[in-house]
Amino acid sequence: MASSTTASQEELKANKVPLAWRDQCSALLLPLNVCRKDKYYLPWECENERHAYEKCQYEDYLRRMKVLSKQKLREAQVAQE
């Protein structure tokens, strides 16, 4: 299931994104990396792109933690029965 923040495997391969960085926020990583290369990795130049990418990462983390807590709750309820 692809979302608006997930790039296709072809795009990621063409941009040489390492496998470890191919996650739910990969579509936001592509323009961030382009900006970083164009601006010589100056930290104050790509703030908007970096903020969008980090926000996506944080929201993905929260989503995964909610799924994990629901799974643990279900497992605890099954164990009590």
C-alpha atoms as a PDB file:
ATOM      1  CA  MET A   1       0.000   0.000   0.000  1.00  0.00           C
ATOM      2  CA  ALA A   2       1.661   3.196  -1.154  1.00  0.00           C
ATOM      3  CA  SER A   3       0.859   6.481   0.499  1.00  0.00           C
ATOM      4  CA  SER A   4       1.676  10.058  -0.436  1.00  0.00           C
ATOM      5  CA  THR A   5       4.847   9.877   1.655  1.00  0.00           C
ATOM      6  CA  THR A   6       6.135   6.624   0.183  1.00  0.00           C
ATOM      7  CA  ALA A   7       8.247   6.704  -2.958  1.00  0.00           C
ATOM      8  CA  SER A   8       8.273   3.854  -5.445  1.00  0.00           C
ATOM      9  CA  GLN A   9      11.128   1.368  -5.492  1.00  0.00           C
ATOM     10  CA  GLU A  10      12.170   2.655  -8.933  1.00  0.00           C
ATOM     11  CA  GLU A  11      12.469   6.230  -7.632  1.00  0.00           C
ATOM     12  CA  LEU A  12      14.437   5.104  -4.610  1.00  0.00           C
ATOM     13  CA  LYS A  13      16.749   2.972  -6.717  1.00  0.00           C
ATOM     14  CA  ALA A  14      17.301   5.808  -9.205  1.00  0.00           C
ATOM     15  CA  ASN A  15      18.201   8.175  -6.355  1.00  0.00           C
ATOM     16  CA  LYS A  16      20.452   5.552  -4.726  1.00  0.00           C
ATOM     17  CA  VAL A  17      18.640   5.622  -1.382  1.00  0.00           C
ATOM     18  CA  PRO A  18      20.055   2.910   0.924  1.00  0.00           C
ATOM     19  CA  LEU A  19      17.659   0.132   1.962  1.00  0.00           C
ATOM     20  CA  ALA A  20      17.714   1.278   5.589  1.00  0.00           C
ATOM     21  CA  TRP A  21      16.141   4.618   4.592  1.00  0.00           C
ATOM     22  CA  ARG A  22      13.352   3.169   2.427  1.00  0.00           C
ATOM     23  CA  ASP A  23      10.459   3.567   4.822  1.00  0.00           C
ATOM     24  CA  GLN A  24       7.061   5.251   5.017  1.00  0.00           C
ATOM     25  CA  CYS A  25       8.622   8.710   4.650  1.00  0.00           C
ATOM     26  CA  SER A  26      10.866   7.960   1.698  1.00  0.00           C
ATOM     27  CA  ALA A  27       9.089  10.398  -0.647  1.00  0.00           C
ATOM     28  CA  LEU A  28      10.016  13.247   1.702  1.00  0.00           C
ATOM     29  CA  LEU A  29      13.610  12.091   1.881  1.00  0.00           C
ATOM     30  CA  LEU A  30      14.203  12.511  -1.852  1.00  0.00           C
ATOM     31  CA  PRO A  31      13.721  16.311  -2.003  1.00  0.00           C
ATOM     32  CA  LEU A  32      15.596  16.658   1.290  1.00  0.00           C
ATOM     33  CA  ASN A  33      18.628  14.867  -0.132  1.00  0.00           C
ATOM     34  CA  VAL A  34      18.486  16.968  -3.313  1.00  0.00           C
ATOM     35  CA  CYS A  35      18.352  20.154  -1.243  1.00  0.00           C
ATOM     36  CA  ARG A  36      21.213  18.991   0.952  1.00  0.00           C
ATOM     37  CA  LYS A  37      23.420  18.275  -2.066  1.00  0.00           C
ATOM     38  CA  ASP A  38      22.533  21.563  -3.760  1.00  0.00           C
ATOM     39  CA  LYS A  39      23.182  23.608  -0.611  1.00  0.00           C
ATOM     40  CA  TYR A  40      26.369  21.752   0.409  1.00  0.00           C
ATOM     41  CA  TYR A  41      24.733  20.293   3.557  1.00  0.00           C
ATOM     42  CA  LEU A  42      24.376  23.692   5.249  1.00  0.00           C
ATOM     43  CA  PRO A  43      22.029  22.941   8.167  1.00  0.00           C
ATOM     44  CA  TRP A  44      20.008  26.158   7.894  1.00  0.00           C
ATOM     45  CA  GLU A  45      19.279  25.836   4.170  1.00  0.00           C
ATOM     46  CA  CYS A  46      16.878  22.854   4.078  1.00  0.00           C
ATOM     47  CA  GLU A  47      14.920  23.423   7.268  1.00  0.00           C
ATOM     48  CA  ASN A  48      11.466  23.029   5.711  1.00  0.00           C
ATOM     49  CA  GLU A  49      12.304  19.752   3.999  1.00  0.00           C
ATOM     50  CA  ARG A  50      14.041  18.396   7.095  1.00  0.00           C
ATOM     51  CA  HIS A  51      11.153  19.401   9.341  1.00  0.00           C
ATOM     52  CA  ALA A  52       8.612  17.688   7.061  1.00  0.00           C
ATOM     53  CA  TYR A  53      10.724  14.513   6.968  1.00  0.00           C
ATOM     54  CA  GLU A  54      11.282  14.437  10.736  1.00  0.00           C
ATOM     55  CA  LYS A  55       7.586  15.087  11.398  1.00  0.00           C
ATOM     56  CA  CYS A  56       6.693  12.175   9.139  1.00  0.00           C
ATOM     57  CA  GLN A  57       9.196   9.963  10.974  1.00  0.00           C
ATOM     58  CA  TYR A  58       7.705  10.952  14.346  1.00  0.00           C
ATOM     59  CA  GLU A  59       4.112  10.354  13.209  1.00  0.00           C
ATOM     60  CA  ASP A  60       5.127   6.958  11.802  1.00  0.00           C
ATOM     61  CA  TYR A  61       6.742   6.105  15.150  1.00  0.00           C
ATOM     62  CA  LEU A  62       3.565   7.063  17.015  1.00  0.00           C
ATOM     63  CA  ARG A  63       1.458   4.971  14.618  1.00  0.00           C
ATOM     64  CA  ARG A  64       3.685   1.927  15.120  1.00  0.00           C
ATOM     65  CA  MET A  65       3.618   2.325  18.918  1.00  0.00           C
ATOM     66  CA  LYS A  66      -0.204   2.479  18.888  1.00  0.00           C
ATOM     67  CA  VAL A  67      -0.345  -0.707  16.830  1.00  0.00           C
ATOM     68  CA  LEU A  68       2.104  -2.394  19.194  1.00  0.00           C
ATOM     69  CA  SER A  69       0.177  -1.369  22.317  1.00  0.00           C
ATOM     70  CA  LYS A  70      -3.098  -2.659  20.802  1.00  0.00           C
ATOM     71  CA  GLN A  71      -1.389  -5.928  19.922  1.00  0.00           C
ATOM     72  CA  LYS A  72      -0.013  -6.319  23.446  1.00  0.00           C
ATOM     73  CA  LEU A  73      -3.434  -5.548  24.924  1.00  0.00           C
ATOM     74  CA  ARG A  74      -5.067  -8.207  22.737  1.00  0.00           C
ATOM     75  CA  GLU A  75      -2.401 -10.744  23.717  1.00  0.00           C
ATOM     76  CA  ALA A  76      -2.932  -9.963  27.414  1.00  0.00           C
ATOM     77  CA  GLN A  77      -6.700 -10.439  27.039  1.00  0.00           C
ATOM     78  CA  VAL A  78      -6.190 -13.773  25.262  1.00  0.00           C
ATOM     79  CA  ALA A  79      -3.781 -14.910  27.989  1.00  0.00           C
ATOM     80  CA  GLN A  80      -6.359 -14.126  30.700  1.00  0.00           C
ATOM     81  CA  GLU A  81      -9.018 -16.284  29.055  1.00  0.00           C
END
